[in-house]
Protein backbone atom coordinates (compact mmCIF):
# COMPACT_ATOMS: atom_id res chain seq x y z
CA MET A 1 0.00 0.00 0.00
CA LEU A 2 1.37 3.43 -0.94
CA TRP A 3 0.75 6.36 1.34
CA ARG A 4 -0.42 9.76 0.14
CA ARG A 5 0.58 12.83 2.09
CA GLU A 6 -2.00 15.57 2.53
CA SER A 7 -0.29 18.92 2.17
CA VAL A 8 -0.97 21.67 4.71
CA PRO A 9 -0.48 25.22 3.34
CA ALA A 10 2.23 27.04 5.27
CA ALA A 11 0.07 30.15 5.52
CA GLU A 12 -2.41 28.20 7.61
CA LEU A 13 0.18 27.38 10.25
CA ARG A 14 1.02 30.89 11.43
CA SER A 15 -1.63 31.74 13.98
CA SER A 16 -1.12 30.86 17.63
CA ILE A 17 -3.06 29.21 20.42
CA SER A 18 -3.65 31.17 23.59
CA PRO A 19 -3.62 28.52 26.33
CA GLY A 20 -4.83 30.99 28.93
CA GLN A 21 -8.14 31.30 27.12
CA LEU A 22 -8.77 27.56 27.26
CA LYS A 23 -9.02 27.09 31.00
CA GLU A 24 -12.67 27.45 31.89
CA PRO A 25 -14.40 25.89 34.89
CA ARG A 26 -16.73 22.99 34.17
CA MET A 27 -18.99 21.00 36.42
CA LYS A 28 -17.91 17.64 35.09
CA THR A 29 -15.18 16.43 32.74
CA PRO A 30 -14.65 12.95 31.28
CA LYS A 31 -11.85 10.61 32.28
CA VAL A 32 -8.96 10.22 29.84
CA MET A 33 -6.37 7.47 29.45
CA LEU A 34 -3.35 8.19 27.26
CA VAL A 35 -1.54 5.17 25.84
CA CYS A 36 1.88 4.51 24.34
CA PRO A 37 1.47 1.22 22.44
CA PRO A 38 3.96 -1.68 22.38
CA ARG A 39 6.78 -1.35 19.87
CA THR A 40 8.26 -3.61 17.20
CA ILE A 41 12.05 -3.44 16.98
CA LEU A 42 14.93 -5.42 15.56
CA ARG A 43 16.21 -7.95 18.06
CA SER A 44 19.76 -6.82 17.27
CA SER A 45 19.01 -3.20 18.24
CA VAL A 46 19.65 -1.61 21.60
CA LYS A 47 16.21 -1.53 23.22
CA ARG A 48 15.87 2.16 24.04
CA CYS A 49 13.20 3.23 26.51
CA CYS A 50 12.47 6.94 26.24
CA THR A 51 10.16 8.88 28.52
CA PRO A 52 7.04 9.69 26.43
CA ILE A 53 7.44 13.45 26.78
CA GLY A 54 4.75 14.19 24.19
CA LEU A 55 2.03 12.26 26.00
CA ALA A 56 3.21 13.67 29.33
CA TYR A 57 2.71 17.21 27.98
CA VAL A 58 -0.83 16.34 26.87
CA ALA A 59 -1.52 14.80 30.28
CA ALA A 60 -0.18 17.90 32.05
CA VAL A 61 -2.51 20.24 30.16
CA LEU A 62 -5.50 17.99 30.83
CA GLU A 63 -4.64 17.66 34.50
CA LYS A 64 -4.11 21.40 34.89
CA ASN A 65 -7.63 21.86 33.56
CA GLU A 66 -9.08 19.43 36.11
CA VAL A 67 -9.45 16.45 33.79
CA GLU A 68 -8.85 13.08 35.44
CA VAL A 69 -6.11 11.42 33.41
CA GLN A 70 -3.91 8.34 33.47
CA VAL A 71 -0.93 7.47 31.26
CA LEU A 72 -0.17 3.90 30.24
CA ASP A 73 3.20 3.30 28.59
CA ALA A 74 2.63 -0.26 27.39
CA PHE A 75 6.18 -0.45 26.01
CA ALA A 76 8.00 0.61 29.17
CA GLU A 77 5.75 -1.32 31.55
CA GLY A 78 6.17 -4.45 29.42
CA TYR A 79 9.83 -3.82 28.64
CA ASP A 80 10.87 -7.38 29.52
CA THR A 81 8.06 -9.00 27.53
CA GLU A 82 9.07 -9.89 23.97
CA GLU A 83 7.13 -11.66 21.24
CA ASP A 84 8.96 -12.91 18.17
CA VAL A 85 7.16 -11.62 15.08
CA GLY A 86 9.61 -12.97 12.49
CA GLY A 87 12.30 -11.49 10.29
CA GLY A 88 14.55 -10.74 13.25
CA TYR A 89 11.95 -8.46 14.84
CA VAL A 90 10.33 -8.64 18.28
CA LYS A 91 7.25 -6.93 19.66
CA VAL A 92 7.97 -5.46 23.09
CA GLY A 93 5.35 -4.44 25.62
CA LEU A 94 2.31 -5.41 27.65
CA SER A 95 0.02 -8.08 26.25
CA ALA A 96 -3.43 -7.30 24.87
CA VAL A 97 -4.98 -8.81 28.00
CA ASP A 98 -2.87 -6.60 30.28
CA ILE A 99 -3.79 -3.47 28.31
CA GLN A 100 -7.49 -4.33 28.40
CA GLN A 101 -7.33 -4.93 32.14
CA ARG A 102 -5.77 -1.51 32.70
CA ILE A 103 -8.43 0.16 30.57
CA SER A 104 -11.19 -1.69 32.41
CA ALA A 105 -9.81 -0.74 35.82
CA PHE A 106 -9.76 2.99 34.98
CA SER A 107 -12.98 2.99 32.91
CA PRO A 108 -12.14 6.05 30.80
CA ASP A 109 -14.45 8.03 28.54
CA PHE A 110 -11.61 8.80 26.12
CA VAL A 111 -8.51 6.81 25.22
CA GLY A 112 -5.80 8.72 23.37
CA VAL A 113 -3.21 6.61 21.56
CA THR A 114 0.05 7.99 20.21
CA CYS A 115 1.72 6.89 16.98
CA ALA A 116 4.97 8.75 16.64
CA PHE A 117 6.37 6.75 13.72
CA THR A 118 5.01 4.92 10.70
CA SER A 119 6.61 1.72 11.95
CA GLU A 120 4.29 1.83 14.97
CA ILE A 121 1.01 2.34 13.10
CA GLY A 122 0.15 -1.37 13.34
CA ASN A 123 0.69 -1.49 17.10
CA ALA A 124 -1.16 1.80 17.61
CA THR A 125 -4.22 0.69 15.65
CA ASP A 126 -4.16 -2.65 17.47
CA VAL A 127 -4.62 -0.74 20.72
CA CYS A 128 -7.45 1.28 19.17
CA ARG A 129 -9.23 -1.97 18.31
CA LEU A 130 -8.63 -3.32 21.81
CA VAL A 131 -10.30 -0.27 23.31
CA LYS A 132 -13.43 -0.64 21.20
CA LYS A 133 -13.52 -4.35 21.94
CA GLN A 134 -13.28 -3.55 25.64
CA ASP A 135 -16.06 -0.94 25.55
CA PRO A 136 -17.57 0.47 22.31
CA ARG A 137 -18.72 3.55 24.20
CA ILE A 138 -15.17 4.77 24.74
CA SER A 139 -14.08 7.49 22.31
CA VAL A 140 -10.82 6.48 20.64
CA VAL A 141 -8.43 9.28 19.66
CA LEU A 142 -5.21 8.78 17.68
CA GLY A 143 -2.40 11.31 17.35
CA GLY A 144 1.23 11.57 16.32
CA LEU A 145 3.36 12.07 13.27
CA HIS A 146 2.02 9.27 11.08
CA PRO A 147 -1.73 9.92 11.45
CA THR A 148 -1.04 13.64 11.06
CA ASN A 149 0.50 12.98 7.64
CA TYR A 150 -2.00 10.32 6.58
CA PRO A 151 -5.31 10.75 8.43
CA LEU A 152 -7.68 9.29 5.85
CA GLU A 153 -5.45 6.33 5.09
CA THR A 154 -5.19 5.66 8.82
CA LEU A 155 -8.97 5.72 9.20
CA ALA A 156 -9.25 3.27 6.30
CA MET A 157 -6.92 0.92 8.18
CA CYS A 158 -8.80 1.24 11.46
CA PRO A 159 -12.49 2.24 11.42
CA GLU A 160 -12.52 1.93 15.22
CA ILE A 161 -10.84 5.36 15.48
CA ASP A 162 -13.34 8.07 16.43
CA PHE A 163 -11.02 11.08 16.08
CA ILE A 164 -7.52 11.91 14.85
CA ILE A 165 -5.70 14.92 16.22
CA LEU A 166 -3.34 16.54 13.73
CA GLY A 167 -0.13 18.16 14.93
CA GLU A 168 0.40 19.36 18.49
CA GLY A 169 -2.14 17.67 20.71
CA GLU A 170 -2.05 19.43 24.08
CA PHE A 171 -4.87 21.93 23.66
CA ARG A 172 -6.64 20.09 20.86
CA MET A 173 -7.14 17.10 23.15
CA LEU A 174 -8.45 19.41 25.85
CA LYS A 175 -10.99 20.93 23.47
CA LEU A 176 -12.09 17.50 22.29
CA VAL A 177 -12.56 16.22 25.84
CA ARG A 178 -14.64 19.31 26.65
CA GLY A 179 -17.02 18.51 23.85
CA GLU A 180 -15.81 20.85 21.12
CA ARG A 181 -15.77 19.45 17.60
CA ASP A 182 -15.26 22.48 15.39
CA PHE A 183 -11.58 23.37 15.71
CA ASP A 184 -8.49 23.12 13.53
CA GLY A 185 -6.42 19.96 13.58
CA LEU A 186 -9.31 17.55 14.14
CA VAL A 187 -10.41 14.65 11.92
CA ASP A 188 -13.81 13.08 12.54
CA GLY A 189 -13.53 9.33 12.11
CA LYS A 190 -17.19 8.86 11.33
CA THR A 191 -17.65 11.57 8.69
CA HIS A 192 -13.98 11.65 7.58
CA THR A 193 -14.11 15.43 7.84
CA VAL A 194 -10.55 16.80 7.91
CA ASN A 195 -10.05 20.18 9.57
CA LEU A 196 -6.43 20.99 8.75
CA PRO A 197 -4.16 22.38 11.49
CA ARG A 198 -3.78 26.15 11.27
CA THR A 199 -2.26 26.88 14.67
CA ARG A 200 0.77 25.99 16.72
CA ILE A 201 1.66 26.83 20.30
CA GLU A 202 3.81 29.95 20.05
CA ASN A 203 4.62 30.53 23.73
CA LEU A 204 5.98 27.21 24.96
CA ASP A 205 6.47 28.64 28.46
CA GLU A 206 2.68 28.54 28.87
CA LEU A 207 2.78 24.75 28.79
CA PRO A 208 3.00 23.05 32.19
CA PHE A 209 5.93 20.73 32.66
CA PRO A 210 5.33 17.16 31.42
CA ALA A 211 3.27 15.17 33.92
CA ARG A 212 6.02 12.71 34.77
CA HIS A 213 4.32 11.93 38.08
CA LEU A 214 1.71 10.03 36.03
CA LEU A 215 4.46 7.79 34.60
CA LYS A 216 6.37 5.01 36.31
CA MET A 217 9.54 7.10 36.41
CA ASP A 218 11.40 4.44 38.36
CA LEU A 219 11.23 2.25 35.22
CA TYR A 220 12.91 4.79 32.94
CA LEU A 221 15.57 5.59 35.52
CA LYS A 222 16.27 1.90 36.09
CA ILE A 223 16.34 0.89 32.41
CA ASN A 224 18.39 4.03 31.61
CA LYS A 225 18.44 3.64 27.82
CA HIS A 226 17.26 6.89 26.33
CA ILE A 227 17.82 8.41 22.87
CA SER A 228 21.52 8.16 23.65
CA PRO A 229 21.58 4.68 25.25
CA TYR A 230 25.06 5.08 26.75
CA PRO A 231 24.69 7.63 29.59
CA ARG A 232 27.39 8.21 32.15
CA LYS A 233 25.05 8.47 35.13
CA GLN A 234 22.40 6.05 36.35
CA ARG A 235 19.68 8.65 36.92
CA THR A 236 19.24 10.20 33.49
CA GLU A 237 16.27 12.02 31.99
CA GLN A 238 15.40 13.68 28.70
CA ILE A 239 14.37 17.30 28.30
CA LEU A 240 12.89 19.16 25.34
CA THR A 241 13.50 22.92 25.17
CA SER A 242 12.21 23.84 21.70
CA ARG A 243 10.03 22.78 18.78
CA GLY A 244 10.37 23.29 15.06
CA CYS A 245 13.31 23.20 12.68
CA PRO A 246 14.00 25.50 9.73
CA GLY A 247 16.03 22.78 8.02
CA GLN A 248 14.51 21.19 4.95
CA CYS A 249 16.35 17.86 4.82
CA VAL A 250 14.61 15.63 2.29
CA PHE A 251 14.70 12.55 4.56
CA CYS A 252 13.17 14.24 7.62
CA THR A 253 9.53 14.40 8.70
CA SER A 254 10.02 16.45 11.87
CA SER A 255 9.60 19.89 10.33
CA ARG A 256 6.33 18.84 8.72
CA PHE A 257 4.93 17.98 12.14
CA TRP A 258 6.51 20.67 14.33
CA GLY A 259 6.86 23.32 11.64
CA ALA A 260 9.80 25.16 10.14
CA LYS A 261 9.61 27.99 12.68
CA PHE A 262 11.95 27.58 15.64
CA ARG A 263 9.84 27.95 18.79
CA LYS A 264 11.64 27.98 22.10
CA ARG A 265 11.20 27.90 25.83
CA SER A 266 12.89 30.61 27.85
CA PRO A 267 16.13 29.70 29.64
CA GLU A 268 14.42 30.39 32.99
CA ASN A 269 11.62 27.93 32.17
CA VAL A 270 14.11 25.23 31.13
CA ILE A 271 16.20 25.64 34.28
CA GLU A 272 13.09 25.54 36.47
CA GLU A 273 12.17 22.14 35.00
CA MET A 274 15.72 20.88 35.51
CA LYS A 275 15.68 21.93 39.16
CA TYR A 276 12.35 20.15 39.62
CA LEU A 277 13.72 16.93 38.10
CA ILE A 278 16.85 17.08 40.24
CA LYS A 279 14.83 17.61 43.42
CA GLU A 280 11.94 15.22 42.66
CA TYR A 281 13.76 12.35 40.92
CA GLY A 282 17.42 12.82 41.78
CA VAL A 283 18.35 13.33 38.12
CA GLU A 284 22.12 13.48 37.62
CA GLU A 285 22.27 13.68 33.82
CA PHE A 286 20.13 15.33 31.13
CA GLN A 287 19.78 14.49 27.46
CA PHE A 288 18.64 17.35 25.23
CA THR A 289 16.32 15.90 22.59
CA ASP A 290 15.68 19.07 20.55
CA ASP A 291 16.12 19.04 16.78
CA SER A 292 17.89 22.43 16.91
CA MET A 293 18.73 23.26 20.52
CA THR A 294 21.65 25.58 19.71
CA LEU A 295 19.98 27.36 16.78
CA ASP A 296 19.42 30.46 18.93
CA ARG A 297 22.98 30.92 20.09
CA ALA A 298 22.29 33.58 22.75
CA ARG A 299 19.52 31.50 24.30
CA ALA A 300 21.68 28.38 24.34
CA MET A 301 24.53 30.29 25.97
CA ARG A 302 22.18 31.57 28.67
CA ILE A 303 20.84 28.06 29.38
CA PHE A 304 24.37 26.69 29.73
CA GLU A 305 25.40 29.57 32.00
CA MET A 306 22.40 28.94 34.25
CA MET A 307 23.16 25.20 34.35
CA GLU A 308 26.62 25.64 35.86
CA PRO A 309 25.48 25.71 39.54
CA LEU A 310 23.22 22.65 39.07
CA ASP A 311 26.12 20.18 39.25
CA VAL A 312 24.78 17.84 36.56
CA ILE A 313 26.17 16.51 33.30
CA PHE A 314 24.48 16.37 29.91
CA CYS A 315 24.80 15.32 26.29
CA MET A 316 23.32 16.61 23.04
CA ALA A 317 21.51 13.36 22.31
CA ASN A 318 19.52 14.22 19.22
CA GLY A 319 22.20 15.84 17.12
CA THR A 320 23.60 19.33 16.91
CA PHE A 321 23.61 21.52 13.81
CA VAL A 322 27.30 21.94 12.98
CA ASN A 323 26.94 25.49 11.64
CA SER A 324 25.55 26.73 14.99
CA LEU A 325 28.65 25.70 16.96
CA ASP A 326 31.78 27.66 17.71
CA GLU A 327 34.55 27.51 20.32
CA GLU A 328 32.93 29.99 22.70
CA LEU A 329 29.64 28.08 22.75
CA ILE A 330 31.46 24.76 23.23
CA ARG A 331 33.36 26.21 26.20
CA HIS A 332 30.07 27.26 27.78
CA MET A 333 28.70 23.78 27.19
CA ARG A 334 31.71 22.19 28.87
CA ARG A 335 31.47 24.43 31.94
CA ALA A 336 27.79 23.49 32.22
CA GLY A 337 28.64 19.77 32.30
CA CYS A 338 28.52 18.66 28.66
CA TYR A 339 30.31 15.35 28.12
CA GLN A 340 29.19 14.53 24.55
CA ILE A 341 28.14 16.43 21.45
CA THR A 342 26.45 14.61 18.59
CA PHE A 343 27.42 16.22 15.29
CA SER A 344 24.68 15.92 12.64
CA VAL A 345 27.09 15.65 9.73
CA GLU A 346 25.04 13.17 7.63
CA SER A 347 27.63 12.90 4.84
CA GLY A 348 31.29 13.53 4.12
CA SER A 349 30.44 14.13 0.46
CA LYS A 350 29.41 17.65 -0.58
CA ARG A 351 27.50 16.18 -3.49
CA SER A 352 25.48 13.95 -1.18
CA LEU A 353 24.75 16.87 1.14
CA GLU A 354 23.31 18.74 -1.82
CA LEU A 355 21.15 15.74 -2.72
CA MET A 356 19.73 15.57 0.81
CA ARG A 357 19.55 19.38 1.11
CA LYS A 358 21.60 19.35 4.28
CA HIS A 359 23.51 22.58 4.75
CA VAL A 360 26.66 21.55 6.61
CA ASN A 361 29.99 23.31 6.29
CA LEU A 362 32.29 20.28 6.32
CA ASP A 363 35.39 22.47 6.67
CA ARG A 364 34.23 23.50 10.16
CA VAL A 365 33.74 20.00 11.52
CA LYS A 366 37.28 18.83 12.25
CA PRO A 367 38.35 22.04 14.09
CA LEU A 368 35.16 21.85 16.19
CA VAL A 369 35.85 18.20 17.02
CA ARG A 370 39.41 19.01 18.06
CA CYS A 371 38.20 21.92 20.19
CA SER A 372 35.59 19.74 21.90
CA GLN A 373 37.97 16.87 22.59
CA ARG A 374 40.62 19.25 23.89
CA LEU A 375 38.08 20.45 26.43
CA GLY A 376 37.17 16.88 27.42
CA ILE A 377 33.95 16.51 25.41
CA SER A 378 33.38 13.28 23.51
CA CYS A 379 32.30 13.68 19.88
CA HIS A 380 29.72 11.44 18.24
CA ALA A 381 28.62 11.84 14.61
CA THR A 382 25.67 10.66 12.57
CA PHE A 383 25.78 9.80 8.86
CA VAL A 384 22.82 9.04 6.60
CA LEU A 385 23.88 6.96 3.59
CA GLY A 386 22.12 5.77 0.44
CA ILE A 387 20.22 8.85 -0.70
CA PRO A 388 19.04 8.40 -4.33
CA GLY A 389 21.76 9.59 -6.67
CA GLU A 390 24.53 8.75 -4.23
CA ALA A 391 27.36 6.58 -5.58
CA PRO A 392 29.72 4.17 -3.79
CA GLU A 393 32.43 6.84 -3.89
CA ASP A 394 30.19 9.20 -1.89
CA ILE A 395 29.73 6.47 0.73
CA ARG A 396 33.46 5.94 0.97
CA ALA A 397 33.93 9.72 1.29
CA SER A 398 31.76 9.63 4.42
CA PHE A 399 33.81 6.79 5.89
CA ARG A 400 37.05 8.67 5.17
CA PHE A 401 35.64 11.88 6.61
CA ALA A 402 34.60 10.17 9.86
CA ALA A 403 38.05 8.62 10.26
CA ASN A 404 39.85 11.86 9.39
CA CYS A 405 37.87 13.87 11.95
CA ASP A 406 38.69 11.22 14.59
CA PHE A 407 35.21 11.15 16.10
CA ASP A 408 35.00 9.19 19.32
CA SER A 409 32.03 7.29 17.89
CA ALA A 410 29.84 7.39 14.82
CA SER A 411 26.53 5.96 13.63
CA PHE A 412 26.19 5.12 9.95
CA PHE A 413 22.49 4.79 9.11
CA VAL A 414 20.78 3.51 5.99
CA VAL A 415 18.59 6.34 4.73
CA SER A 416 14.96 5.46 5.28
CA PRO A 417 12.18 6.86 3.06
CA LEU A 418 9.91 7.87 5.94
CA PRO A 419 6.31 8.36 4.82
CA GLY A 420 5.58 12.06 5.06
CA SER A 421 9.08 13.06 3.96
CA GLU A 422 10.04 14.57 0.62
CA LEU A 423 12.29 11.57 0.07
CA TYR A 424 9.35 9.19 0.35
CA ASP A 425 7.38 11.18 -2.23
CA LEU A 426 10.38 11.09 -4.58
CA CYS A 427 10.83 7.33 -4.15
CA VAL A 428 7.16 6.73 -4.92
CA GLN A 429 7.35 8.88 -8.04
CA GLN A 430 10.53 7.17 -9.27
CA ASN A 431 9.42 3.65 -8.28
CA TYR A 432 12.47 3.27 -6.03
CA LEU A 433 10.77 1.54 -3.10
CA THR A 434 11.72 -2.09 -2.54
CA ASP A 435 9.04 -2.49 0.15
CA THR A 436 5.88 -0.48 0.71
CA SER A 437 4.93 -2.11 4.02
CA PHE A 438 6.54 0.06 6.67
CA ASP A 439 5.33 -1.76 9.75
CA LYS A 440 8.93 -2.85 10.46
CA MET A 441 10.80 0.24 9.36
CA ASP A 442 14.30 0.79 10.74
CA PHE A 443 17.51 2.56 9.85
CA LYS A 444 19.47 -0.61 9.18
CA SER A 445 17.58 -2.08 6.23
CA ALA A 446 17.74 -0.57 2.75
CA LYS A 447 14.32 0.06 1.26
CA ILE A 448 15.41 2.16 -1.71
CA ASN A 449 16.35 0.48 -4.99
CA ASN A 450 19.12 2.90 -5.89
CA PRO A 451 20.57 1.86 -9.31
CA SER A 452 24.07 2.94 -8.30
CA LEU A 453 23.86 1.42 -4.80
CA PRO A 454 22.12 -1.97 -4.63
CA PRO A 455 20.41 -2.45 -1.23
CA LEU A 456 22.48 -5.45 -0.17
CA LEU A 457 25.74 -3.70 -1.05
CA LEU A 458 24.73 -0.62 0.95
CA GLU A 459 23.74 -2.67 3.97
CA ARG A 460 26.98 -4.67 3.85
CA LEU A 461 29.11 -1.51 3.60
CA ILE A 462 27.38 0.04 6.61
CA ILE A 463 27.48 -3.11 8.74
CA ASN A 464 31.22 -3.47 8.15
CA GLN A 465 31.95 0.21 8.74
CA ASN A 466 30.00 0.47 12.01
CA THR A 467 31.82 -2.53 13.43
CA LEU A 468 35.22 -1.48 12.08
CA PHE A 469 34.86 2.05 13.44
CA ILE A 470 34.12 0.97 17.00
CA VAL A 471 36.76 -1.79 17.06
CA LYS A 472 39.41 0.71 15.92
CA TYR A 473 38.26 3.11 18.62
CA LEU A 474 38.59 0.40 21.28
CA VAL A 475 42.14 -0.38 20.14
CA ARG A 476 43.22 3.29 19.88
CA HIS A 477 41.43 4.70 22.92
CA PRO A 478 40.53 1.91 25.39
CA VAL A 479 40.07 4.29 28.34
CA LYS A 480 37.69 6.52 26.37
CA PHE A 481 35.89 3.45 25.05
CA PHE A 482 35.08 2.11 28.50
CA ARG A 483 34.19 5.56 29.75
CA LYS A 484 31.56 5.80 27.02
CA TYR A 485 30.20 2.26 27.05
CA GLY A 486 31.23 0.98 30.48
CA LEU A 487 28.01 1.73 32.40
CA PHE A 488 25.89 0.22 29.63
CA MET A 489 28.03 -2.93 29.48
CA LEU A 490 28.01 -3.29 33.26
CA ASN A 491 24.22 -2.98 33.49
CA ASN A 492 23.49 -5.01 30.33
CA PRO A 493 26.12 -7.76 29.97
CA ARG A 494 23.95 -9.76 27.56
CA GLU A 495 23.76 -6.77 25.21
CA ILE A 496 27.50 -6.14 24.95
CA PRO A 497 27.60 -7.55 21.38
CA LYS A 498 25.15 -4.80 20.36
CA VAL A 499 27.77 -2.18 21.15
CA PHE A 500 29.74 -3.58 18.23
CA GLY A 501 26.68 -3.91 16.02
CA ARG A 502 25.29 -2.01 13.08
CA VAL A 503 24.24 1.14 14.94
CA THR A 504 26.26 2.40 17.91
């Protein structure tokens, strides 16, 4: 099945929501359960367990407005339960019976299910069906990146869905729960009426902090495998300080969901949340999960300055835009406790960068790496390989570039044509897709039939390079190696081979 993306005119995305206008007293409000479904992952992958910040934000807004709400993270709570689903994949999470029992015990009026990625659409719709099977009177609401891009196709897959929320869900879910039906960003599952999103939350400081108290935080702190699965401290938590990215990378879907405008929390608001997490949960390490945390240089500098007295460490887990870094900013990061920067390089070939529309000044990378390492900051890099039009020589250029820059670690990913991205649209038009069923999508398997880079050749090149890169690093820098991976290996001895696997 091929997916069709519904375009949303940029002009319709410019108005803002005023959260203060939404809080109105009501005599009675329904009960809401928010659900993260189980996940399907490759058995050979590190089994990350990230705090569902998005759902926790939705829960916080509902709770602030006196809505009774529970959050069920079926993946985290069933982290040790695995079901082999073939092809090297396993489904991780609570069983259908367990999920139904939790729904029955709470007896909600609404169940909101999140589907962040296309690969999770099957698990998300399975939960939607479970809810209706449990009690047909419950209103089922689906949200997230995939249903935002493909609402009508999602409804065709799962008629049990009553509503789809498009884009940011915090205040849209609140309106829906209060009985409103005529607002932007809502799809009616019965009539298939699509009201496109026209608004985004402009002042992020008006959002309450994520309702982590509704999550089993002890699970995330114990498992301790976040976006960056190799933390240096045992009590680690993620934090999101901004939304939106002005980048237009052809392989990315983030800007289509969050928008191209960079929206940011104030430094004071960010530090207040950090202090709360330190006091309430004993957090010792933070992972910034923003797409573009350092885009506003002055704001980033202020955050790092205010972090210095907190006595914590942190890493830039989700990648850092190379062009936004300089020595002064890196020095501020180090004084604030930064131990690792992830450089979003994506390719060592200028031609490939042009193909993926990634604006990276490669000449700046090596000096920035040297500066960071001189200050005691580890440098990780990400590379995305196999973009249509890329040749084997471009791939080798990325391998040479990574070695020449002497990164402490690197992840070489197979480019994935994510539905909703410009790359996916291109692959559909050019008949490049080797597989149109994306229920088991990952960044290790080639799904693009690139004439100059056969899928099996690309996969083999990347497998070999990931393993070779980390083995060389172990031989050259054993102390640094164990400093980076030691805590993970100590806590997860059975997963040590994954450190040397296809994605590090």
